[in-house]
Amino acid sequence: MKLPRDISGAELADLLSRYGYSVTRQTGSHIRLTTQVGGEHHLTIPAHSSLRVGTLSAILSEIAQHLKRDKSDLIRELWG
């Protein structure tokens, strides 16, 4: 499945709440998310109006690794 080309950092932060991520702080143009699911994990995403595909892919890879899940399954759950 292809990654969306028009998702913003704020929209991604909202979607990631399904996996226990919540905004812990925002400094400038970056949003810091934290989850306690599967152990504490911190994630920083840009608060841009449209995330680059490579940036989105790297963020999703990091989340999939933390949750010990397949990245393609994660993508399907979020946008399938």
N, C-alpha and C. Protein backbone atom coordinates (compact mmCIF):
# COMPACT_ATOMS: atom_id res chain seq x y z
N MET A 1 0.84 -1.18 0.00
CA MET A 1 0.00 0.00 0.00
C MET A 1 0.88 1.24 0.00
N LYS A 2 0.50 2.23 -0.78
CA LYS A 2 1.27 3.47 -0.86
C LYS A 2 0.99 4.35 0.36
N LEU A 3 2.00 5.10 0.73
CA LEU A 3 1.85 6.06 1.82
C LEU A 3 1.13 7.30 1.30
N PRO A 4 0.33 7.95 2.14
CA PRO A 4 -0.35 9.17 1.70
C PRO A 4 0.67 10.28 1.46
N ARG A 5 0.36 11.13 0.52
CA ARG A 5 1.28 12.22 0.15
C ARG A 5 0.91 13.56 0.77
N ASP A 6 -0.21 13.61 1.45
CA ASP A 6 -0.70 14.91 1.92
C ASP A 6 -1.05 14.93 3.40
N ILE A 7 -0.37 14.12 4.21
CA ILE A 7 -0.68 14.07 5.63
C ILE A 7 0.24 15.04 6.39
N SER A 8 -0.35 15.75 7.32
CA SER A 8 0.44 16.70 8.11
C SER A 8 0.95 16.02 9.38
N GLY A 9 1.89 16.66 10.03
CA GLY A 9 2.43 16.13 11.28
C GLY A 9 1.36 16.04 12.36
N ALA A 10 0.47 17.03 12.43
CA ALA A 10 -0.60 17.02 13.42
C ALA A 10 -1.59 15.88 13.15
N GLU A 11 -1.91 15.64 11.88
CA GLU A 11 -2.81 14.53 11.54
C GLU A 11 -2.19 13.18 11.90
N LEU A 12 -0.89 13.05 11.66
CA LEU A 12 -0.19 11.81 12.01
C LEU A 12 -0.20 11.61 13.52
N ALA A 13 0.01 12.68 14.28
CA ALA A 13 -0.01 12.58 15.74
C ALA A 13 -1.39 12.09 16.22
N ASP A 14 -2.45 12.59 15.60
CA ASP A 14 -3.81 12.13 15.95
C ASP A 14 -3.99 10.65 15.63
N LEU A 15 -3.52 10.22 14.47
CA LEU A 15 -3.65 8.81 14.08
C LEU A 15 -2.88 7.89 15.03
N LEU A 16 -1.73 8.35 15.50
CA LEU A 16 -0.90 7.51 16.35
C LEU A 16 -1.46 7.36 17.76
N SER A 17 -2.49 8.11 18.09
CA SER A 17 -3.13 7.94 19.41
C SER A 17 -3.74 6.54 19.53
N ARG A 18 -4.03 5.89 18.39
CA ARG A 18 -4.54 4.50 18.40
C ARG A 18 -3.55 3.55 19.06
N TYR A 19 -2.28 3.90 19.00
CA TYR A 19 -1.22 3.05 19.54
C TYR A 19 -0.68 3.58 20.87
N GLY A 20 -1.44 4.44 21.50
CA GLY A 20 -1.07 4.93 22.82
C GLY A 20 -0.16 6.14 22.82
N TYR A 21 0.14 6.70 21.66
CA TYR A 21 1.01 7.88 21.60
C TYR A 21 0.21 9.12 21.95
N SER A 22 0.80 9.98 22.74
CA SER A 22 0.16 11.26 23.06
C SER A 22 1.23 12.35 23.00
N VAL A 23 0.78 13.55 22.70
CA VAL A 23 1.70 14.69 22.59
C VAL A 23 2.19 15.06 23.98
N THR A 24 3.49 15.06 24.17
CA THR A 24 4.05 15.45 25.46
C THR A 24 4.55 16.88 25.44
N ARG A 25 4.97 17.34 24.26
CA ARG A 25 5.37 18.75 24.13
C ARG A 25 5.54 19.09 22.66
N GLN A 26 5.55 20.40 22.39
CA GLN A 26 5.85 20.87 21.05
C GLN A 26 6.82 22.02 21.17
N THR A 27 7.92 21.90 20.48
CA THR A 27 8.94 22.94 20.49
C THR A 27 9.16 23.38 19.05
N GLY A 28 8.84 24.61 18.75
CA GLY A 28 9.01 25.11 17.39
C GLY A 28 8.15 24.32 16.42
N SER A 29 8.81 23.74 15.41
CA SER A 29 8.06 23.02 14.38
C SER A 29 8.14 21.50 14.54
N HIS A 30 8.37 21.04 15.76
CA HIS A 30 8.43 19.60 16.01
C HIS A 30 7.52 19.21 17.17
N ILE A 31 6.87 18.06 17.02
CA ILE A 31 5.95 17.54 18.03
C ILE A 31 6.60 16.31 18.65
N ARG A 32 6.62 16.25 19.97
CA ARG A 32 7.18 15.11 20.69
C ARG A 32 6.04 14.24 21.19
N LEU A 33 6.04 12.96 20.80
CA LEU A 33 5.03 12.01 21.21
C LEU A 33 5.66 10.96 22.12
N THR A 34 4.89 10.45 23.06
CA THR A 34 5.36 9.41 23.97
C THR A 34 4.27 8.37 24.14
N THR A 35 4.68 7.09 24.26
CA THR A 35 3.77 6.01 24.56
C THR A 35 4.38 5.15 25.66
N GLN A 36 3.51 4.49 26.40
CA GLN A 36 3.93 3.53 27.41
C GLN A 36 3.64 2.10 26.96
N VAL A 37 2.98 1.95 25.80
CA VAL A 37 2.64 0.65 25.26
C VAL A 37 3.92 -0.06 24.81
N GLY A 38 4.16 -1.25 25.34
CA GLY A 38 5.36 -1.99 24.96
C GLY A 38 6.63 -1.39 25.53
N GLY A 39 6.50 -0.60 26.58
CA GLY A 39 7.65 0.10 27.14
C GLY A 39 7.64 1.54 26.66
N GLU A 40 8.31 2.40 27.40
CA GLU A 40 8.31 3.82 27.04
C GLU A 40 9.04 4.05 25.72
N HIS A 41 8.42 4.85 24.86
CA HIS A 41 9.01 5.18 23.56
C HIS A 41 8.69 6.63 23.23
N HIS A 42 9.72 7.37 22.86
CA HIS A 42 9.58 8.77 22.47
C HIS A 42 9.78 8.88 20.96
N LEU A 43 9.02 9.78 20.36
CA LEU A 43 9.06 9.95 18.92
C LEU A 43 8.90 11.44 18.62
N THR A 44 9.73 11.96 17.74
CA THR A 44 9.63 13.36 17.34
C THR A 44 9.24 13.41 15.87
N ILE A 45 8.17 14.16 15.58
CA ILE A 45 7.74 14.31 14.19
C ILE A 45 7.64 15.80 13.86
N PRO A 46 7.92 16.17 12.61
CA PRO A 46 7.80 17.57 12.21
C PRO A 46 6.34 18.00 12.15
N ALA A 47 6.06 19.20 12.56
CA ALA A 47 4.69 19.72 12.53
C ALA A 47 4.46 20.48 11.22
N HIS A 48 4.89 19.91 10.13
CA HIS A 48 4.74 20.54 8.82
C HIS A 48 3.35 20.26 8.25
N SER A 49 2.95 21.08 7.29
CA SER A 49 1.62 20.91 6.70
C SER A 49 1.56 19.66 5.82
N SER A 50 2.68 19.23 5.30
CA SER A 50 2.72 18.02 4.49
C SER A 50 4.07 17.34 4.73
N LEU A 51 4.03 16.12 5.26
CA LEU A 51 5.26 15.38 5.53
C LEU A 51 5.81 14.77 4.25
N ARG A 52 7.11 14.75 4.11
CA ARG A 52 7.74 14.09 2.97
C ARG A 52 7.56 12.58 3.13
N VAL A 53 7.48 11.89 2.01
CA VAL A 53 7.23 10.45 2.03
C VAL A 53 8.34 9.71 2.77
N GLY A 54 9.58 10.10 2.56
CA GLY A 54 10.70 9.46 3.25
C GLY A 54 10.65 9.66 4.75
N THR A 55 10.26 10.84 5.18
CA THR A 55 10.14 11.14 6.60
C THR A 55 9.03 10.30 7.22
N LEU A 56 7.89 10.25 6.55
CA LEU A 56 6.76 9.45 7.03
C LEU A 56 7.14 7.97 7.10
N SER A 57 7.84 7.49 6.10
CA SER A 57 8.26 6.09 6.08
C SER A 57 9.20 5.78 7.24
N ALA A 58 10.13 6.67 7.53
CA ALA A 58 11.07 6.47 8.63
C ALA A 58 10.35 6.47 9.98
N ILE A 59 9.39 7.35 10.15
CA ILE A 59 8.61 7.41 11.39
C ILE A 59 7.84 6.11 11.59
N LEU A 60 7.19 5.64 10.53
CA LEU A 60 6.41 4.40 10.62
C LEU A 60 7.30 3.19 10.86
N SER A 61 8.51 3.19 10.30
CA SER A 61 9.46 2.10 10.55
C SER A 61 9.85 2.05 12.02
N GLU A 62 10.09 3.22 12.59
CA GLU A 62 10.46 3.29 14.00
C GLU A 62 9.33 2.80 14.90
N ILE A 63 8.10 3.18 14.58
CA ILE A 63 6.95 2.74 15.37
C ILE A 63 6.75 1.23 15.24
N ALA A 64 6.86 0.71 14.02
CA ALA A 64 6.69 -0.72 13.79
C ALA A 64 7.75 -1.52 14.55
N GLN A 65 8.97 -1.01 14.57
CA GLN A 65 10.04 -1.69 15.31
C GLN A 65 9.74 -1.69 16.80
N HIS A 66 9.28 -0.57 17.34
CA HIS A 66 8.97 -0.50 18.77
C HIS A 66 7.82 -1.44 19.13
N LEU A 67 6.79 -1.47 18.30
CA LEU A 67 5.62 -2.31 18.59
C LEU A 67 5.82 -3.76 18.18
N LYS A 68 6.99 -4.05 17.57
CA LYS A 68 7.31 -5.41 17.09
C LYS A 68 6.24 -5.91 16.12
N ARG A 69 5.94 -5.06 15.15
CA ARG A 69 4.94 -5.38 14.13
C ARG A 69 5.52 -5.11 12.76
N ASP A 70 4.84 -5.61 11.75
CA ASP A 70 5.26 -5.38 10.38
C ASP A 70 4.82 -3.98 9.95
N LYS A 71 5.70 -3.27 9.27
CA LYS A 71 5.40 -1.91 8.85
C LYS A 71 4.20 -1.87 7.89
N SER A 72 4.10 -2.83 6.99
CA SER A 72 2.99 -2.84 6.03
C SER A 72 1.65 -3.05 6.74
N ASP A 73 1.64 -3.85 7.83
CA ASP A 73 0.41 -4.02 8.61
C ASP A 73 0.01 -2.71 9.27
N LEU A 74 1.00 -2.00 9.78
CA LEU A 74 0.76 -0.71 10.43
C LEU A 74 0.15 0.28 9.43
N ILE A 75 0.71 0.33 8.24
CA ILE A 75 0.20 1.23 7.19
C ILE A 75 -1.23 0.87 6.83
N ARG A 76 -1.50 -0.41 6.69
CA ARG A 76 -2.85 -0.88 6.35
C ARG A 76 -3.85 -0.50 7.44
N GLU A 77 -3.47 -0.62 8.71
CA GLU A 77 -4.36 -0.25 9.81
C GLU A 77 -4.64 1.24 9.84
N LEU A 78 -3.64 2.05 9.53
CA LEU A 78 -3.82 3.50 9.59
C LEU A 78 -4.59 4.06 8.39
N TRP A 79 -4.32 3.54 7.20
CA TRP A 79 -4.92 4.11 5.99
C TRP A 79 -5.66 3.13 5.12
N GLY A 80 -5.81 1.89 5.57
CA GLY A 80 -6.43 0.85 4.74
C GLY A 80 -7.89 0.92 4.79
